[in-house]
N, C-alpha and C. Protein backbone atom coordinates (compact mmCIF):
# COMPACT_ATOMS: atom_id res chain seq x y z
N MET A 1 0.79 -1.63 0.05
CA MET A 1 0.03 0.24 -0.34
C MET A 1 0.62 1.45 -0.52
N GLN A 2 0.35 2.06 -1.02
CA GLN A 2 1.53 3.58 -1.33
C GLN A 2 1.02 4.58 -0.53
N ARG A 3 1.58 5.17 0.69
CA ARG A 3 1.11 5.85 1.63
C ARG A 3 1.18 7.70 1.01
N ILE A 4 0.62 8.28 0.75
CA ILE A 4 0.35 9.48 0.05
C ILE A 4 -0.22 10.63 1.39
N LEU A 5 1.08 12.14 1.44
CA LEU A 5 0.93 12.94 2.24
C LEU A 5 0.18 13.93 1.33
N VAL A 6 -1.26 14.86 1.74
CA VAL A 6 -1.53 15.98 1.68
C VAL A 6 -2.19 16.27 2.00
N THR A 7 -1.18 18.11 1.87
CA THR A 7 -1.42 18.85 2.04
C THR A 7 -2.27 19.97 1.84
N GLY A 8 -2.97 20.24 2.97
CA GLY A 8 -3.99 20.92 2.83
C GLY A 8 -6.04 19.99 2.70
N GLY A 9 -5.65 18.92 2.61
CA GLY A 9 -6.71 18.03 2.69
C GLY A 9 -7.95 18.08 3.12
N CYS A 10 -7.79 18.76 4.13
CA CYS A 10 -9.51 19.02 3.89
C CYS A 10 -10.17 20.11 3.64
N GLY A 11 -9.41 20.89 3.09
CA GLY A 11 -10.35 21.81 2.04
C GLY A 11 -10.94 21.00 0.54
N TYR A 12 -11.30 21.83 0.19
CA TYR A 12 -12.60 21.47 -1.24
C TYR A 12 -11.60 20.84 -2.23
N ILE A 13 -10.59 21.02 -3.30
CA ILE A 13 -10.17 20.53 -3.42
C ILE A 13 -9.08 19.23 -2.98
N GLY A 14 -8.22 19.74 -1.89
CA GLY A 14 -8.09 18.49 -1.23
C GLY A 14 -9.11 17.14 -0.55
N SER A 15 -10.01 18.06 -0.55
CA SER A 15 -11.01 16.92 0.18
C SER A 15 -11.45 15.62 -1.27
N HIS A 16 -11.48 16.05 -2.32
CA HIS A 16 -12.25 15.53 -3.58
C HIS A 16 -10.96 14.99 -3.65
N THR A 17 -9.45 15.01 -3.75
CA THR A 17 -8.43 14.57 -4.37
C THR A 17 -8.46 13.36 -3.40
N LEU A 18 -9.01 12.98 -1.90
CA LEU A 18 -8.83 12.15 -0.83
C LEU A 18 -9.97 10.77 -0.97
N VAL A 19 -10.74 11.93 -2.08
CA VAL A 19 -11.96 10.19 -2.43
C VAL A 19 -11.47 9.90 -3.57
N SER A 20 -11.11 10.38 -4.43
CA SER A 20 -10.38 9.36 -5.35
C SER A 20 -9.16 9.21 -5.28
N LEU A 21 -8.39 9.50 -4.55
CA LEU A 21 -7.01 8.16 -3.76
C LEU A 21 -7.92 6.76 -3.27
N LEU A 22 -8.41 7.46 -2.34
CA LEU A 22 -8.84 6.34 -1.56
C LEU A 22 -9.83 5.53 -1.80
N SER A 23 -10.45 6.28 -3.31
CA SER A 23 -11.77 4.76 -4.10
C SER A 23 -11.08 4.10 -5.21
N SER A 24 -9.44 4.82 -5.54
CA SER A 24 -8.75 4.10 -6.24
C SER A 24 -9.12 2.11 -6.24
N THR A 25 -9.08 2.14 -7.71
CA THR A 25 -9.09 0.43 -8.24
C THR A 25 -8.62 -0.13 -7.93
N SER A 26 -7.37 0.66 -8.90
CA SER A 26 -5.69 0.02 -9.25
C SER A 26 -5.04 -0.02 -8.29
N THR A 27 -4.85 1.44 -7.21
CA THR A 27 -4.00 1.11 -6.75
C THR A 27 -4.02 1.31 -4.72
N THR A 28 -4.06 0.65 -4.10
CA THR A 28 -4.48 0.83 -2.70
C THR A 28 -3.64 1.99 -2.26
N TYR A 29 -4.16 2.74 -1.29
CA TYR A 29 -3.46 3.98 -1.11
C TYR A 29 -3.70 4.83 -0.14
N SER A 30 -2.96 4.43 0.89
CA SER A 30 -3.35 4.88 2.61
C SER A 30 -3.25 6.38 2.46
N VAL A 31 -3.61 7.35 3.02
CA VAL A 31 -3.38 9.22 3.03
C VAL A 31 -3.34 9.29 4.43
N VAL A 32 -2.28 10.83 4.74
CA VAL A 32 -2.16 11.60 5.40
C VAL A 32 -2.76 12.91 5.06
N VAL A 33 -3.19 13.44 6.10
CA VAL A 33 -3.66 14.77 5.73
C VAL A 33 -3.87 15.59 6.95
N ILE A 34 -1.97 16.78 6.31
CA ILE A 34 -1.82 17.98 7.38
C ILE A 34 -2.44 18.96 6.90
N ASP A 35 -2.99 19.66 7.90
CA ASP A 35 -3.68 21.16 7.63
C ASP A 35 -4.00 21.38 8.90
N ASN A 36 -3.69 23.00 8.61
CA ASN A 36 -3.78 23.34 9.64
C ASN A 36 -5.01 24.31 10.30
N LEU A 37 -5.97 23.78 9.56
CA LEU A 37 -7.40 23.98 9.82
C LEU A 37 -8.09 25.54 9.19
N ALA A 38 -7.22 27.13 8.70
CA ALA A 38 -7.61 27.96 8.77
C ALA A 38 -8.62 28.27 7.74
N ASN A 39 -8.65 27.59 6.79
CA ASN A 39 -9.64 28.01 5.25
C ASN A 39 -11.07 26.35 5.46
N SER A 40 -10.72 25.68 5.93
CA SER A 40 -11.54 23.93 6.71
C SER A 40 -11.92 23.64 7.68
N SER A 41 -12.82 22.38 7.57
CA SER A 41 -12.62 21.54 8.97
C SER A 41 -12.67 20.40 8.85
N CYS A 42 -12.41 19.72 9.72
CA CYS A 42 -12.16 18.29 10.06
C CYS A 42 -13.36 17.61 9.21
N GLU A 43 -14.94 18.26 9.23
CA GLU A 43 -16.09 17.66 8.77
C GLU A 43 -15.76 16.95 7.14
N SER A 44 -15.31 18.25 6.37
CA SER A 44 -14.91 16.84 5.17
C SER A 44 -14.07 15.74 5.57
N LEU A 45 -13.15 15.56 6.49
CA LEU A 45 -12.74 13.98 6.45
C LEU A 45 -13.74 13.25 6.93
N HIS A 46 -14.79 13.77 7.96
CA HIS A 46 -15.53 12.53 8.47
C HIS A 46 -16.46 12.24 6.97
N ARG A 47 -16.54 13.12 6.50
CA ARG A 47 -17.48 12.71 4.91
C ARG A 47 -16.79 12.15 3.76
N VAL A 48 -15.23 12.27 3.77
CA VAL A 48 -14.92 11.78 2.97
C VAL A 48 -14.63 10.30 3.20
N ALA A 49 -14.42 9.53 5.20
CA ALA A 49 -14.57 8.64 5.16
C ALA A 49 -16.09 7.72 4.79
N ASP A 50 -16.80 8.69 4.97
CA ASP A 50 -18.56 8.10 5.11
C ASP A 50 -18.26 7.49 3.29
N ILE A 51 -18.10 8.61 2.59
CA ILE A 51 -17.66 8.38 0.60
C ILE A 51 -17.00 6.85 0.60
N CYS A 52 -16.12 7.09 1.27
CA CYS A 52 -14.79 5.65 1.23
C CYS A 52 -15.07 4.78 1.69
N SER A 53 -16.60 5.01 2.75
CA SER A 53 -16.62 3.53 3.49
C SER A 53 -15.62 3.29 4.47
N LEU A 54 -15.15 4.01 4.85
CA LEU A 54 -13.66 3.54 6.10
C LEU A 54 -14.24 3.89 7.30
N SER A 55 -14.47 2.45 8.12
CA SER A 55 -14.74 2.61 9.24
C SER A 55 -14.41 3.46 10.48
N ASN A 56 -14.97 3.86 11.25
CA ASN A 56 -14.83 4.64 12.60
C ASN A 56 -13.50 5.47 11.90
N PHE A 57 -13.57 6.92 11.25
CA PHE A 57 -12.91 7.87 11.62
C PHE A 57 -13.29 9.17 13.18
N THR A 58 -11.87 8.91 13.52
CA THR A 58 -11.95 9.29 14.81
C THR A 58 -11.39 10.48 15.18
N LEU A 59 -11.02 11.64 15.00
CA LEU A 59 -9.89 12.58 15.92
C LEU A 59 -10.00 12.33 17.46
N ASN A 60 -8.99 12.84 17.85
CA ASN A 60 -8.49 12.77 19.32
C ASN A 60 -9.51 13.80 20.13
N ALA A 61 -9.09 14.36 21.52
CA ALA A 61 -10.04 15.36 21.80
C ALA A 61 -10.42 16.77 21.61
N ASN A 62 -8.62 16.59 20.94
CA ASN A 62 -8.26 18.70 21.10
C ASN A 62 -8.27 18.64 19.39
N GLY A 63 -9.33 17.63 18.84
CA GLY A 63 -9.06 17.54 17.08
C GLY A 63 -7.98 17.81 16.60
N THR A 64 -6.54 17.34 16.54
CA THR A 64 -5.34 17.84 16.70
C THR A 64 -4.61 16.24 15.45
N SER A 65 -5.94 15.05 15.93
CA SER A 65 -5.14 13.79 14.84
C SER A 65 -6.26 12.95 14.94
N GLY A 66 -5.96 12.72 13.80
CA GLY A 66 -6.96 11.14 13.59
C GLY A 66 -6.87 10.11 12.83
N GLN A 67 -7.57 9.22 12.64
CA GLN A 67 -7.74 8.13 12.17
C GLN A 67 -8.62 7.31 11.87
N ASP A 68 -8.71 6.60 11.29
CA ASP A 68 -9.96 5.17 10.59
C ASP A 68 -9.38 4.27 11.65
N SER A 69 -10.14 3.45 11.79
CA SER A 69 -9.59 2.09 12.46
C SER A 69 -8.93 1.24 11.48
N ASN A 70 -8.50 1.60 10.36
CA ASN A 70 -7.20 0.38 9.02
C ASN A 70 -6.30 1.15 8.41
N GLY A 71 -6.02 2.10 9.05
CA GLY A 71 -4.97 3.52 8.37
C GLY A 71 -5.09 3.52 7.54
N ARG A 72 -6.03 3.78 6.97
CA ARG A 72 -5.38 4.27 5.91
C ARG A 72 -6.08 5.62 5.54
N LEU A 73 -6.79 6.26 6.51
CA LEU A 73 -7.12 7.71 6.24
C LEU A 73 -6.23 8.86 7.90
N SER A 74 -5.56 8.84 7.53
CA SER A 74 -4.98 9.75 8.49
C SER A 74 -4.87 11.05 8.86
N PHE A 75 -5.11 11.81 10.23
CA PHE A 75 -4.93 13.68 10.03
C PHE A 75 -4.33 14.16 10.93
N ARG A 76 -3.49 15.44 10.89
CA ARG A 76 -2.72 15.79 11.69
C ARG A 76 -2.56 17.55 11.12
N LYS A 77 -3.15 18.13 12.14
CA LYS A 77 -3.53 19.44 12.51
C LYS A 77 -1.71 19.97 12.67
N VAL A 78 -1.48 20.19 11.55
CA VAL A 78 0.07 20.87 11.64
C VAL A 78 -0.45 21.92 10.23
N ASP A 79 0.52 23.53 10.81
CA ASP A 79 0.94 24.23 9.82
C ASP A 79 2.29 23.91 8.48
N CYS A 80 2.09 23.71 7.29
CA CYS A 80 2.94 23.80 6.52
C CYS A 80 4.03 24.93 6.84
N CYS A 81 4.44 26.04 7.31
CA CYS A 81 4.66 26.80 7.61
C CYS A 81 5.89 26.50 8.86
N ASN A 82 5.33 25.42 9.62
CA ASN A 82 5.77 24.80 10.96
C ASN A 82 6.49 24.60 10.99
N GLU A 83 8.19 23.90 10.19
CA GLU A 83 8.93 23.23 10.10
C GLU A 83 9.14 22.01 10.81
N PRO A 84 9.26 22.59 12.23
CA PRO A 84 9.21 21.61 13.38
C PRO A 84 8.32 20.36 13.33
N ALA A 85 6.94 20.92 13.23
CA ALA A 85 5.90 20.18 12.68
C ALA A 85 5.84 19.52 12.11
N LEU A 86 5.53 20.10 10.99
CA LEU A 86 5.99 19.33 9.51
C LEU A 86 6.99 18.14 9.62
N ARG A 87 8.20 18.49 10.01
CA ARG A 87 9.32 17.26 10.82
C ARG A 87 9.18 16.48 10.98
N ALA A 88 8.19 16.52 12.10
CA ALA A 88 7.40 15.24 13.43
C ALA A 88 6.05 14.93 12.66
N VAL A 89 5.60 15.31 11.56
CA VAL A 89 4.73 14.17 10.54
C VAL A 89 5.95 13.25 9.80
N PHE A 90 7.02 13.36 9.39
CA PHE A 90 7.57 12.88 8.52
C PHE A 90 8.56 11.61 9.38
N ASP A 91 9.14 12.42 10.37
CA ASP A 91 9.16 11.50 11.46
C ASP A 91 8.53 10.43 11.54
N GLU A 92 7.03 10.64 12.19
CA GLU A 92 6.50 9.51 12.61
C GLU A 92 6.32 8.81 11.66
N PHE A 93 6.10 8.64 10.42
CA PHE A 93 5.83 8.01 9.26
C PHE A 93 7.24 6.94 8.89
N LYS A 94 8.40 7.57 9.43
CA LYS A 94 9.30 6.51 8.39
C LYS A 94 9.43 4.74 9.00
N SER A 95 8.77 5.07 10.50
CA SER A 95 8.97 4.30 10.78
C SER A 95 7.87 3.08 9.80
N GLN A 96 7.33 3.66 9.29
CA GLN A 96 5.83 2.60 8.52
C GLN A 96 6.28 2.68 7.28
N GLY A 97 7.78 3.18 6.97
CA GLY A 97 7.93 3.12 5.47
C GLY A 97 7.78 4.75 4.70
N GLY A 98 7.13 5.94 5.23
CA GLY A 98 7.50 7.19 4.76
C GLY A 98 6.53 7.00 3.94
N PHE A 99 6.60 8.13 2.74
CA PHE A 99 5.74 8.79 2.25
C PHE A 99 6.05 7.95 0.69
N SER A 100 5.10 7.49 -0.24
CA SER A 100 5.29 7.37 -1.85
C SER A 100 5.44 8.74 -2.58
N ALA A 101 4.73 9.73 -2.00
CA ALA A 101 4.30 10.86 -2.88
C ALA A 101 3.23 11.92 -1.27
N ALA A 102 3.88 12.86 -2.66
CA ALA A 102 3.54 14.48 -1.43
C ALA A 102 2.63 14.96 -2.67
N ILE A 103 0.89 15.58 -2.47
CA ILE A 103 0.53 16.34 -2.99
C ILE A 103 -0.13 17.56 -1.57
N HIS A 104 0.54 19.33 -2.30
CA HIS A 104 0.19 20.15 -1.63
C HIS A 104 -0.86 21.03 -2.00
N PHE A 105 -1.37 21.17 -1.52
CA PHE A 105 -2.85 22.02 -1.82
C PHE A 105 -2.83 22.96 -0.89
N ALA A 106 -1.87 23.08 0.71
CA ALA A 106 -2.14 24.13 1.61
C ALA A 106 -1.62 24.97 0.58
N GLY A 107 -2.37 26.42 1.18
CA GLY A 107 -1.93 27.38 0.49
C GLY A 107 -3.78 28.62 1.08
N LEU A 108 -3.17 30.31 0.94
CA LEU A 108 -4.25 31.12 1.04
C LEU A 108 -5.32 31.38 -0.23
N LYS A 109 -6.24 31.51 0.03
CA LYS A 109 -6.66 31.65 -2.12
C LYS A 109 -7.33 33.12 -1.66
N ALA A 110 -8.00 34.43 -1.23
CA ALA A 110 -8.70 35.02 -1.02
C ALA A 110 -8.03 36.18 -2.11
N VAL A 111 -8.69 36.66 -2.92
CA VAL A 111 -8.03 37.49 -4.45
C VAL A 111 -8.63 39.02 -3.42
N GLY A 112 -9.23 39.34 -2.74
CA GLY A 112 -9.20 40.44 -2.12
C GLY A 112 -8.28 40.33 -0.91
N GLU A 113 -8.85 39.95 -0.08
CA GLU A 113 -7.52 39.38 0.98
C GLU A 113 -5.88 39.42 0.58
N SER A 114 -5.69 38.19 -0.96
CA SER A 114 -3.86 38.99 -1.28
C SER A 114 -4.14 39.89 -1.45
N LYS A 115 -4.72 41.09 -1.84
CA LYS A 115 -4.51 42.40 -2.30
C LYS A 115 -4.31 42.92 -0.73
N LEU A 116 -4.80 43.38 0.43
CA LEU A 116 -4.50 43.55 1.12
C LEU A 116 -3.92 43.38 1.52
N ILE A 117 -3.43 42.11 2.26
CA ILE A 117 -1.61 41.19 2.90
C ILE A 117 -1.08 40.81 2.54
N PRO A 118 -0.47 41.00 1.15
CA PRO A 118 0.09 40.21 -0.57
C PRO A 118 1.38 39.77 0.61
N LEU A 119 2.06 40.54 1.70
CA LEU A 119 3.23 40.18 2.62
C LEU A 119 2.88 38.42 3.41
N LYS A 120 1.87 38.20 3.61
CA LYS A 120 1.63 37.53 4.34
C LYS A 120 0.68 35.80 3.25
N TYR A 121 0.62 36.53 2.58
CA TYR A 121 0.13 35.42 1.41
C TYR A 121 1.53 34.83 0.72
N TYR A 122 2.14 35.26 0.54
CA TYR A 122 3.84 35.04 -0.11
C TYR A 122 4.35 34.24 0.94
N GLU A 123 4.55 34.62 2.01
CA GLU A 123 4.97 34.04 3.45
C GLU A 123 4.38 32.54 3.62
N VAL A 124 2.78 32.88 3.53
CA VAL A 124 2.38 30.74 3.27
C VAL A 124 2.50 30.34 1.94
N ASN A 125 2.27 30.93 1.51
CA ASN A 125 2.09 30.23 -0.16
C ASN A 125 3.05 29.87 -0.47
N ILE A 126 4.18 30.90 -0.43
CA ILE A 126 5.63 30.39 -0.85
C ILE A 126 6.55 28.98 -0.01
N GLY A 127 6.21 29.74 1.17
CA GLY A 127 6.57 29.47 2.21
C GLY A 127 6.74 27.90 2.70
N ALA A 128 5.39 27.45 2.78
CA ALA A 128 5.14 26.63 2.86
C ALA A 128 5.36 25.40 1.85
N THR A 129 5.55 26.14 0.47
CA THR A 129 5.85 24.74 0.08
C THR A 129 7.45 25.02 0.03
N TRP A 130 8.44 26.14 0.12
CA TRP A 130 9.80 25.79 0.75
C TRP A 130 10.09 24.36 2.35
N THR A 131 8.70 24.58 2.48
CA THR A 131 9.74 24.25 3.78
C THR A 131 9.18 22.52 4.01
């Protein structure tokens, strides 16, 4: 089973990608989602689990991590700009074979706001990619 890291996986595009990966009939994937939940909610992960018939997707008490009973869908509340927290996710899954690929959707996206605070958008959208 290939493990895929999906940043920003709780958002609209990320959650639809999760459904595609977890519903694949040609290859079995497990997915680790990291998201800081700035523009999204963990509710999308519950919906992905329902659509893909993954059993018992649950979050821990403070909502910072979660997993289904088969380990196919895992979640870690991490900001991609926080290098130590991001490194901790890679270290956590290293003993399980690490990641086969990463799909990077994390970022800010409001056009009007980006004109008001362009440096913040640069920091998040470019900085998170570099991290």
